[in-house]
Protein backbone atom coordinates (compact mmCIF):
# COMPACT_ATOMS: atom_id res chain seq x y z
CA MET A 1 23.10 133.91 -140.06
CA ASN A 2 23.59 131.88 -143.22
CA TRP A 3 20.21 130.16 -143.45
CA GLU A 4 21.14 127.94 -146.41
CA SER A 5 23.91 126.21 -144.45
CA ALA A 6 21.75 125.40 -141.42
CA ASN A 7 20.42 121.87 -141.18
CA LYS A 8 16.76 121.02 -140.65
CA GLN A 9 17.16 120.42 -136.91
CA GLN A 10 18.82 123.81 -136.38
CA LEU A 11 16.12 125.61 -138.34
CA LEU A 12 13.37 123.88 -136.37
CA GLN A 13 15.09 124.74 -133.09
CA ILE A 14 15.17 128.43 -134.06
CA ALA A 15 11.56 128.39 -135.24
CA LEU A 16 10.27 126.77 -132.05
CA SER A 17 12.45 128.55 -129.50
CA GLU A 18 10.65 131.08 -127.31
CA ASP A 19 13.91 133.01 -126.88
CA CYS A 20 14.48 133.72 -130.59
CA ASP A 21 13.48 136.98 -132.20
CA PHE A 22 10.37 136.77 -134.39
CA SER A 23 12.34 137.80 -137.51
CA TYR A 24 14.74 134.85 -137.01
CA LYS A 25 11.81 132.47 -136.60
CA TYR A 26 10.28 133.79 -139.81
CA GLU A 27 13.51 133.39 -141.78
CA ALA A 28 14.06 129.87 -140.42
CA LEU A 29 10.54 128.84 -141.45
CA ARG A 30 10.96 130.41 -144.89
CA GLU A 31 14.14 128.42 -145.42
CA LEU A 32 12.47 125.19 -144.30
CA GLN A 33 9.55 125.79 -146.62
CA SER A 34 11.77 126.49 -149.61
CA ARG A 35 13.77 123.28 -149.36
CA TRP A 36 12.97 120.57 -151.85
CA THR A 37 11.77 117.20 -150.73
CA GLN A 38 11.77 113.95 -152.68
CA ASP A 39 7.97 114.16 -152.85
CA MET A 40 8.19 117.58 -154.49
CA LEU A 41 10.62 116.27 -157.10
CA THR A 42 8.28 113.36 -157.81
CA ASP A 43 5.39 115.79 -158.23
CA VAL A 44 7.42 117.82 -160.76
CA VAL A 45 8.25 114.73 -162.81
CA VAL A 46 4.69 113.41 -162.81
CA MET A 47 3.00 116.75 -163.45
CA TYR A 48 5.45 117.77 -166.17
CA GLY A 49 4.97 114.40 -167.85
CA LYS A 50 1.20 114.92 -167.78
CA GLY A 51 1.57 118.22 -169.63
CA TYR A 52 1.36 120.76 -166.83
CA MET A 53 3.24 124.00 -167.47
CA PRO A 54 6.08 124.97 -165.10
CA ARG A 55 3.97 127.90 -163.82
CA GLU A 56 1.14 125.53 -162.89
CA ILE A 57 3.51 123.14 -161.14
CA ALA A 58 5.08 126.04 -159.24
CA GLU A 59 1.68 127.26 -158.05
CA TYR A 60 0.77 123.75 -156.88
CA LEU A 61 4.03 123.34 -154.95
CA GLY A 62 4.21 126.92 -153.67
CA VAL A 63 7.56 127.72 -155.28
CA LYS A 64 8.79 130.01 -158.05
CA ALA A 65 8.36 128.95 -161.68
CA GLU A 66 12.10 129.54 -162.19
CA GLN A 67 12.81 126.77 -159.67
CA ILE A 68 10.66 124.37 -161.66
CA GLY A 69 12.47 125.34 -164.85
CA GLY A 70 15.77 124.66 -163.10
CA ILE A 71 14.63 121.20 -162.00
CA ILE A 72 13.41 120.39 -165.51
CA SER A 73 16.79 121.40 -166.94
CA LYS A 74 18.87 119.78 -164.20
CA TYR A 75 17.23 116.39 -164.65
CA GLY A 76 16.74 116.71 -168.43
CA LEU A 77 13.00 116.07 -168.22
CA ARG A 78 11.24 115.58 -171.53
CA ARG A 79 7.61 115.18 -172.39
CA VAL A 80 6.67 112.00 -174.23
């Protein structure tokens, strides 16, 4: 299954279904956890602006530091 193309409702249905294999449930939950929310993006902007390092932000949000670096580059964030 292509987990990235599944929508949130489909992933939740797999994760909560008693008929699904445990490995599918695990992968569905991993995909849900890895998706960015607006709140996470706000946290990156605020924390980066306050001087936190990408590694520290990543630890706080439970994601990889490379993802934080990508967000910083994508949105052209700068420290003032």
